Amino acid sequence: MHAAVVLLVLILTYAGMAAGRIAWLRVDRTGIALLFAMMIISAQLAESGFIHLCARTITDSRRGTAALPALIRALPLLPQG
């Protein structure tokens, strides 16, 4: 079953990359490849428990979820280093 799902995702990805040549489709092959890579990375982060750890850390903090919107708004303002 697992191998069939992997094969289906692979086929759909290549079909999407091939369909990127059609003029009325806005997403090109590079965009589809980047989206696919982001799906793999997010799936690996979820599988490893990192997303659960982040959610638990945010909800267990003293400020709780009330500070989350302010934190998200402040992230682009932090110095890049």
PDB file of N, CA and C in Angstrom:
ATOM      1  N   MET A   1       0.819  -1.196   0.000  1.00  0.00           N
ATOM      2  CA  MET A   1       0.000   0.000   0.000  1.00  0.00           C
ATOM      3  C   MET A   1       0.861   1.257   0.000  1.00  0.00           C
ATOM      4  N   HIS A   2       1.915   1.277   0.830  1.00  0.00           N
ATOM      5  CA  HIS A   2       2.807   2.431   0.920  1.00  0.00           C
ATOM      6  C   HIS A   2       3.489   2.691  -0.416  1.00  0.00           C
ATOM      7  N   ALA A   3       3.941   1.638  -1.063  1.00  0.00           N
ATOM      8  CA  ALA A   3       4.618   1.800  -2.354  1.00  0.00           C
ATOM      9  C   ALA A   3       3.659   2.334  -3.414  1.00  0.00           C
ATOM     10  N   ALA A   4       2.392   1.953  -3.355  1.00  0.00           N
ATOM     11  CA  ALA A   4       1.417   2.439  -4.320  1.00  0.00           C
ATOM     12  C   ALA A   4       1.167   3.932  -4.141  1.00  0.00           C
ATOM     13  N   VAL A   5       1.127   4.397  -2.904  1.00  0.00           N
ATOM     14  CA  VAL A   5       0.927   5.824  -2.638  1.00  0.00           C
ATOM     15  C   VAL A   5       2.128   6.625  -3.134  1.00  0.00           C
ATOM     16  N   VAL A   6       3.323   6.126  -2.869  1.00  0.00           N
ATOM     17  CA  VAL A   6       4.536   6.800  -3.326  1.00  0.00           C
ATOM     18  C   VAL A   6       4.561   6.867  -4.847  1.00  0.00           C
ATOM     19  N   LEU A   7       4.210   5.784  -5.498  1.00  0.00           N
ATOM     20  CA  LEU A   7       4.185   5.761  -6.959  1.00  0.00           C
ATOM     21  C   LEU A   7       3.133   6.729  -7.504  1.00  0.00           C
ATOM     22  N   LEU A   8       1.966   6.798  -6.864  1.00  0.00           N
ATOM     23  CA  LEU A   8       0.926   7.715  -7.296  1.00  0.00           C
ATOM     24  C   LEU A   8       1.372   9.168  -7.168  1.00  0.00           C
ATOM     25  N   VAL A   9       2.011   9.508  -6.068  1.00  0.00           N
ATOM     26  CA  VAL A   9       2.508  10.879  -5.883  1.00  0.00           C
ATOM     27  C   VAL A   9       3.570  11.195  -6.922  1.00  0.00           C
ATOM     28  N   LEU A  10       4.441  10.260  -7.199  1.00  0.00           N
ATOM     29  CA  LEU A  10       5.478  10.464  -8.210  1.00  0.00           C
ATOM     30  C   LEU A  10       4.866  10.699  -9.586  1.00  0.00           C
ATOM     31  N   ILE A  11       3.885   9.899  -9.949  1.00  0.00           N
ATOM     32  CA  ILE A  11       3.231  10.045 -11.251  1.00  0.00           C
ATOM     33  C   ILE A  11       2.498  11.383 -11.344  1.00  0.00           C
ATOM     34  N   LEU A  12       1.785  11.764 -10.282  1.00  0.00           N
ATOM     35  CA  LEU A  12       1.074  13.039 -10.294  1.00  0.00           C
ATOM     36  C   LEU A  12       2.029  14.222 -10.366  1.00  0.00           C
ATOM     37  N   THR A  13       3.169  14.102  -9.703  1.00  0.00           N
ATOM     38  CA  THR A  13       4.164  15.179  -9.756  1.00  0.00           C
ATOM     39  C   THR A  13       4.706  15.347 -11.162  1.00  0.00           C
ATOM     40  N   TYR A  14       5.066  14.250 -11.795  1.00  0.00           N
ATOM     41  CA  TYR A  14       5.585  14.342 -13.158  1.00  0.00           C
ATOM     42  C   TYR A  14       4.502  14.790 -14.132  1.00  0.00           C
ATOM     43  N   ALA A  15       3.258  14.397 -13.913  1.00  0.00           N
ATOM     44  CA  ALA A  15       2.167  14.871 -14.767  1.00  0.00           C
ATOM     45  C   ALA A  15       1.980  16.374 -14.607  1.00  0.00           C
ATOM     46  N   GLY A  16       2.096  16.852 -13.375  1.00  0.00           N
ATOM     47  CA  GLY A  16       2.010  18.292 -13.133  1.00  0.00           C
ATOM     48  C   GLY A  16       3.158  19.047 -13.762  1.00  0.00           C
ATOM     49  N   MET A  17       4.345  18.470 -13.700  1.00  0.00           N
ATOM     50  CA  MET A  17       5.497  19.112 -14.337  1.00  0.00           C
ATOM     51  C   MET A  17       5.322  19.154 -15.854  1.00  0.00           C
ATOM     52  N   ALA A  18       4.765  18.115 -16.415  1.00  0.00           N
ATOM     53  CA  ALA A  18       4.530  18.089 -17.861  1.00  0.00           C
ATOM     54  C   ALA A  18       3.425  19.061 -18.237  1.00  0.00           C
ATOM     55  N   ALA A  19       2.402  19.192 -17.388  1.00  0.00           N
ATOM     56  CA  ALA A  19       1.297  20.099 -17.678  1.00  0.00           C
ATOM     57  C   ALA A  19       1.713  21.552 -17.554  1.00  0.00           C
ATOM     58  N   GLY A  20       2.850  21.815 -16.930  1.00  0.00           N
ATOM     59  CA  GLY A  20       3.339  23.181 -16.801  1.00  0.00           C
ATOM     60  C   GLY A  20       3.665  23.821 -18.127  1.00  0.00           C
ATOM     61  N   ARG A  21       3.787  23.040 -19.161  1.00  0.00           N
ATOM     62  CA  ARG A  21       4.062  23.589 -20.491  1.00  0.00           C
ATOM     63  C   ARG A  21       2.814  24.152 -21.160  1.00  0.00           C
ATOM     64  N   ILE A  22       1.639  23.812 -20.644  1.00  0.00           N
ATOM     65  CA  ILE A  22       0.393  24.318 -21.201  1.00  0.00           C
ATOM     66  C   ILE A  22       0.274  25.802 -20.829  1.00  0.00           C
ATOM     67  N   ALA A  23      -0.016  26.639 -21.816  1.00  0.00           N
ATOM     68  CA  ALA A  23       0.047  28.091 -21.633  1.00  0.00           C
ATOM     69  C   ALA A  23      -0.920  28.610 -20.573  1.00  0.00           C
ATOM     70  N   TRP A  24      -2.123  28.060 -20.467  1.00  0.00           N
ATOM     71  CA  TRP A  24      -3.099  28.610 -19.538  1.00  0.00           C
ATOM     72  C   TRP A  24      -2.890  28.162 -18.103  1.00  0.00           C
ATOM     73  N   LEU A  25      -1.948  27.266 -17.859  1.00  0.00           N
ATOM     74  CA  LEU A  25      -1.597  26.900 -16.481  1.00  0.00           C
ATOM     75  C   LEU A  25      -0.536  27.869 -15.970  1.00  0.00           C
ATOM     76  N   ARG A  26      -0.766  28.447 -14.832  1.00  0.00           N
ATOM     77  CA  ARG A  26       0.128  29.469 -14.306  1.00  0.00           C
ATOM     78  C   ARG A  26       1.363  28.897 -13.607  1.00  0.00           C
ATOM     79  N   VAL A  27       1.301  27.683 -13.120  1.00  0.00           N
ATOM     80  CA  VAL A  27       2.412  27.094 -12.380  1.00  0.00           C
ATOM     81  C   VAL A  27       3.297  26.333 -13.358  1.00  0.00           C
ATOM     82  N   ASP A  28       4.567  26.695 -13.376  1.00  0.00           N
ATOM     83  CA  ASP A  28       5.480  26.013 -14.279  1.00  0.00           C
ATOM     84  C   ASP A  28       6.126  24.823 -13.571  1.00  0.00           C
ATOM     85  N   ARG A  29       7.009  24.158 -14.268  1.00  0.00           N
ATOM     86  CA  ARG A  29       7.626  22.950 -13.703  1.00  0.00           C
ATOM     87  C   ARG A  29       8.446  23.256 -12.461  1.00  0.00           C
ATOM     88  N   THR A  30       9.113  24.401 -12.451  1.00  0.00           N
ATOM     89  CA  THR A  30       9.905  24.764 -11.275  1.00  0.00           C
ATOM     90  C   THR A  30       9.012  24.985 -10.073  1.00  0.00           C
ATOM     91  N   GLY A  31       7.891  25.655 -10.275  1.00  0.00           N
ATOM     92  CA  GLY A  31       6.958  25.889  -9.171  1.00  0.00           C
ATOM     93  C   GLY A  31       6.391  24.601  -8.614  1.00  0.00           C
ATOM     94  N   ILE A  32       6.043  23.680  -9.496  1.00  0.00           N
ATOM     95  CA  ILE A  32       5.503  22.391  -9.045  1.00  0.00           C
ATOM     96  C   ILE A  32       6.569  21.606  -8.286  1.00  0.00           C
ATOM     97  N   ALA A  33       7.814  21.646  -8.780  1.00  0.00           N
ATOM     98  CA  ALA A  33       8.891  20.944  -8.090  1.00  0.00           C
ATOM     99  C   ALA A  33       9.128  21.537  -6.705  1.00  0.00           C
ATOM    100  N   LEU A  34       9.073  22.872  -6.593  1.00  0.00           N
ATOM    101  CA  LEU A  34       9.252  23.508  -5.275  1.00  0.00           C
ATOM    102  C   LEU A  34       8.110  23.152  -4.337  1.00  0.00           C
ATOM    103  N   LEU A  35       6.866  23.142  -4.858  1.00  0.00           N
ATOM    104  CA  LEU A  35       5.734  22.766  -4.020  1.00  0.00           C
ATOM    105  C   LEU A  35       5.851  21.325  -3.537  1.00  0.00           C
ATOM    106  N   PHE A  36       6.300  20.451  -4.424  1.00  0.00           N
ATOM    107  CA  PHE A  36       6.474  19.054  -4.049  1.00  0.00           C
ATOM    108  C   PHE A  36       7.545  18.912  -2.970  1.00  0.00           C
ATOM    109  N   ALA A  37       8.644  19.657  -3.128  1.00  0.00           N
ATOM    110  CA  ALA A  37       9.705  19.606  -2.114  1.00  0.00           C
ATOM    111  C   ALA A  37       9.207  20.123  -0.775  1.00  0.00           C
ATOM    112  N   MET A  38       8.390  21.168  -0.790  1.00  0.00           N
ATOM    113  CA  MET A  38       7.845  21.689   0.458  1.00  0.00           C
ATOM    114  C   MET A  38       6.898  20.688   1.111  1.00  0.00           C
ATOM    115  N   MET A  39       6.143  19.948   0.308  1.00  0.00           N
ATOM    116  CA  MET A  39       5.268  18.915   0.870  1.00  0.00           C
ATOM    117  C   MET A  39       6.089  17.821   1.537  1.00  0.00           C
ATOM    118  N   ILE A  40       7.197  17.437   0.921  1.00  0.00           N
ATOM    119  CA  ILE A  40       8.051  16.404   1.515  1.00  0.00           C
ATOM    120  C   ILE A  40       8.645  16.890   2.827  1.00  0.00           C
ATOM    121  N   ILE A  41       9.141  18.127   2.840  1.00  0.00           N
ATOM    122  CA  ILE A  41       9.743  18.667   4.056  1.00  0.00           C
ATOM    123  C   ILE A  41       8.708  18.774   5.175  1.00  0.00           C
ATOM    124  N   SER A  42       7.515  19.282   4.869  1.00  0.00           N
ATOM    125  CA  SER A  42       6.495  19.410   5.911  1.00  0.00           C
ATOM    126  C   SER A  42       6.031  18.043   6.411  1.00  0.00           C
ATOM    127  N   ALA A  43       5.973  17.061   5.530  1.00  0.00           N
ATOM    128  CA  ALA A  43       5.601  15.712   5.968  1.00  0.00           C
ATOM    129  C   ALA A  43       6.666  15.126   6.888  1.00  0.00           C
ATOM    130  N   GLN A  44       7.932  15.376   6.580  1.00  0.00           N
ATOM    131  CA  GLN A  44       9.008  14.875   7.429  1.00  0.00           C
ATOM    132  C   GLN A  44       9.002  15.571   8.787  1.00  0.00           C
ATOM    133  N   LEU A  45       8.732  16.880   8.799  1.00  0.00           N
ATOM    134  CA  LEU A  45       8.651  17.588  10.079  1.00  0.00           C
ATOM    135  C   LEU A  45       7.495  17.081  10.922  1.00  0.00           C
ATOM    136  N   ALA A  46       6.369  16.807  10.291  1.00  0.00           N
ATOM    137  CA  ALA A  46       5.225  16.261  11.027  1.00  0.00           C
ATOM    138  C   ALA A  46       5.519  14.850  11.529  1.00  0.00           C
ATOM    139  N   GLU A  47       6.155  14.045  10.696  1.00  0.00           N
ATOM    140  CA  GLU A  47       6.470  12.660  11.083  1.00  0.00           C
ATOM    141  C   GLU A  47       7.467  12.601  12.237  1.00  0.00           C
ATOM    142  N   SER A  48       8.407  13.544  12.261  1.00  0.00           N
ATOM    143  CA  SER A  48       9.411  13.538  13.315  1.00  0.00           C
ATOM    144  C   SER A  48       8.883  14.078  14.640  1.00  0.00           C
ATOM    145  N   GLY A  49       7.724  14.732  14.602  1.00  0.00           N
ATOM    146  CA  GLY A  49       7.153  15.273  15.830  1.00  0.00           C
ATOM    147  C   GLY A  49       7.524  16.720  16.087  1.00  0.00           C
ATOM    148  N   PHE A  50       8.242  17.350  15.152  1.00  0.00           N
ATOM    149  CA  PHE A  50       8.685  18.725  15.343  1.00  0.00           C
ATOM    150  C   PHE A  50       7.505  19.691  15.412  1.00  0.00           C
ATOM    151  N   ILE A  51       6.514  19.502  14.557  1.00  0.00           N
ATOM    152  CA  ILE A  51       5.356  20.398  14.562  1.00  0.00           C
ATOM    153  C   ILE A  51       4.582  20.250  15.868  1.00  0.00           C
ATOM    154  N   HIS A  52       4.451  19.031  16.352  1.00  0.00           N
ATOM    155  CA  HIS A  52       3.788  18.796  17.637  1.00  0.00           C
ATOM    156  C   HIS A  52       4.577  19.453  18.770  1.00  0.00           C
ATOM    157  N   LEU A  53       5.896  19.361  18.719  1.00  0.00           N
ATOM    158  CA  LEU A  53       6.742  19.987  19.739  1.00  0.00           C
ATOM    159  C   LEU A  53       6.565  21.499  19.733  1.00  0.00           C
ATOM    160  N   CYS A  54       6.532  22.101  18.551  1.00  0.00           N
ATOM    161  CA  CYS A  54       6.330  23.551  18.458  1.00  0.00           C
ATOM    162  C   CYS A  54       4.966  23.943  19.007  1.00  0.00           C
ATOM    163  N   ALA A  55       3.937  23.207  18.639  1.00  0.00           N
ATOM    164  CA  ALA A  55       2.592  23.522  19.123  1.00  0.00           C
ATOM    165  C   ALA A  55       2.507  23.368  20.637  1.00  0.00           C
ATOM    166  N   ARG A  56       3.110  22.319  21.160  1.00  0.00           N
ATOM    167  CA  ARG A  56       3.084  22.102  22.611  1.00  0.00           C
ATOM    168  C   ARG A  56       3.871  23.183  23.343  1.00  0.00           C
ATOM    169  N   THR A  57       4.996  23.618  22.767  1.00  0.00           N
ATOM    170  CA  THR A  57       5.795  24.672  23.386  1.00  0.00           C
ATOM    171  C   THR A  57       5.015  25.981  23.427  1.00  0.00           C
ATOM    172  N   ILE A  58       4.306  26.292  22.360  1.00  0.00           N
ATOM    173  CA  ILE A  58       3.533  27.535  22.315  1.00  0.00           C
ATOM    174  C   ILE A  58       2.376  27.496  23.308  1.00  0.00           C
ATOM    175  N   THR A  59       1.654  26.393  23.341  1.00  0.00           N
ATOM    176  CA  THR A  59       0.492  26.328  24.229  1.00  0.00           C
ATOM    177  C   THR A  59       0.870  26.172  25.693  1.00  0.00           C
ATOM    178  N   ASP A  60       2.048  25.623  25.977  1.00  0.00           N
ATOM    179  CA  ASP A  60       2.477  25.446  27.369  1.00  0.00           C
ATOM    180  C   ASP A  60       3.196  26.666  27.931  1.00  0.00           C
ATOM    181  N   SER A  61       3.488  27.647  27.105  1.00  0.00           N
ATOM    182  CA  SER A  61       4.204  28.823  27.600  1.00  0.00           C
ATOM    183  C   SER A  61       3.298  29.643  28.508  1.00  0.00           C
ATOM    184  N   ARG A  62       3.896  30.526  29.281  1.00  0.00           N
ATOM    185  CA  ARG A  62       3.122  31.332  30.217  1.00  0.00           C
ATOM    186  C   ARG A  62       2.126  32.234  29.499  1.00  0.00           C
ATOM    187  N   ARG A  63       2.495  32.706  28.326  1.00  0.00           N
ATOM    188  CA  ARG A  63       1.615  33.610  27.596  1.00  0.00           C
ATOM    189  C   ARG A  63       0.551  32.853  26.810  1.00  0.00           C
ATOM    190  N   GLY A  64       0.787  31.575  26.554  1.00  0.00           N
ATOM    191  CA  GLY A  64      -0.191  30.774  25.838  1.00  0.00           C
ATOM    192  C   GLY A  64      -0.340  31.200  24.393  1.00  0.00           C
ATOM    193  N   THR A  65      -1.493  30.930  23.854  1.00  0.00           N
ATOM    194  CA  THR A  65      -1.724  31.227  22.450  1.00  0.00           C
ATOM    195  C   THR A  65      -2.037  32.696  22.201  1.00  0.00           C
ATOM    196  N   ALA A  66      -2.251  33.486  23.246  1.00  0.00           N
ATOM    197  CA  ALA A  66      -2.567  34.903  23.066  1.00  0.00           C
ATOM    198  C   ALA A  66      -1.392  35.660  22.452  1.00  0.00           C
ATOM    199  N   ALA A  67      -0.173  35.230  22.726  1.00  0.00           N
ATOM    200  CA  ALA A  67       1.002  35.916  22.206  1.00  0.00           C
ATOM    201  C   ALA A  67       1.380  35.460  20.800  1.00  0.00           C
ATOM    202  N   LEU A  68       0.735  34.416  20.295  1.00  0.00           N
ATOM    203  CA  LEU A  68       1.096  33.871  18.987  1.00  0.00           C
ATOM    204  C   LEU A  68       0.934  34.871  17.841  1.00  0.00           C
ATOM    205  N   PRO A  69      -0.180  35.598  17.736  1.00  0.00           N
ATOM    206  CA  PRO A  69      -0.271  36.571  16.634  1.00  0.00           C
ATOM    207  C   PRO A  69       0.815  37.642  16.692  1.00  0.00           C
ATOM    208  N   ALA A  70       1.157  38.103  17.877  1.00  0.00           N
ATOM    209  CA  ALA A  70       2.220  39.108  18.004  1.00  0.00           C
ATOM    210  C   ALA A  70       3.568  38.525  17.609  1.00  0.00           C
ATOM    211  N   LEU A  71       3.809  37.284  17.974  1.00  0.00           N
ATOM    212  CA  LEU A  71       5.071  36.638  17.616  1.00  0.00           C
ATOM    213  C   LEU A  71       5.179  36.458  16.110  1.00  0.00           C
ATOM    214  N   ILE A  72       4.103  36.033  15.481  1.00  0.00           N
ATOM    215  CA  ILE A  72       4.112  35.862  14.030  1.00  0.00           C
ATOM    216  C   ILE A  72       4.333  37.197  13.334  1.00  0.00           C
ATOM    217  N   ARG A  73       3.734  38.253  13.851  1.00  0.00           N
ATOM    218  CA  ARG A  73       3.903  39.578  13.261  1.00  0.00           C
ATOM    219  C   ARG A  73       5.324  40.092  13.460  1.00  0.00           C
ATOM    220  N   ALA A  74       5.969  39.725  14.562  1.00  0.00           N
ATOM    221  CA  ALA A  74       7.313  40.232  14.861  1.00  0.00           C
ATOM    222  C   ALA A  74       8.410  39.461  14.140  1.00  0.00           C
ATOM    223  N   LEU A  75       8.142  38.251  13.676  1.00  0.00           N
ATOM    224  CA  LEU A  75       9.195  37.443  13.050  1.00  0.00           C
ATOM    225  C   LEU A  75       9.861  38.120  11.848  1.00  0.00           C
ATOM    226  N   PRO A  76       9.135  38.768  10.949  1.00  0.00           N
ATOM    227  CA  PRO A  76       9.835  39.418   9.831  1.00  0.00           C
ATOM    228  C   PRO A  76      10.682  40.599  10.264  1.00  0.00           C
ATOM    229  N   LEU A  77      10.446  41.128  11.446  1.00  0.00           N
ATOM    230  CA  LEU A  77      11.193  42.289  11.923  1.00  0.00           C
ATOM    231  C   LEU A  77      12.510  41.911  12.584  1.00  0.00           C
ATOM    232  N   LEU A  78      12.700  40.625  12.886  1.00  0.00           N
ATOM    233  CA  LEU A  78      13.937  40.173  13.533  1.00  0.00           C
ATOM    234  C   LEU A  78      15.098  40.292  12.561  1.00  0.00           C
ATOM    235  N   PRO A  79      16.289  40.603  13.094  1.00  0.00           N
ATOM    236  CA  PRO A  79      17.453  40.722  12.195  1.00  0.00           C
ATOM    237  C   PRO A  79      17.818  39.367  11.583  1.00  0.00           C
ATOM    238  N   GLN A  80      18.150  39.407  10.313  1.00  0.00           N
ATOM    239  CA  GLN A  80      18.566  38.194   9.619  1.00  0.00           C
ATOM    240  C   GLN A  80      20.045  37.980   9.865  1.00  0.00           C
ATOM    241  N   GLY A  81      20.399  36.768  10.232  1.00  0.00           N
ATOM    242  CA  GLY A  81      21.803  36.619  10.564  1.00  0.00           C
ATOM    243  C   GLY A  81      22.358  35.379  10.140  1.00  0.00           C
TER     244      GLY A  81
END
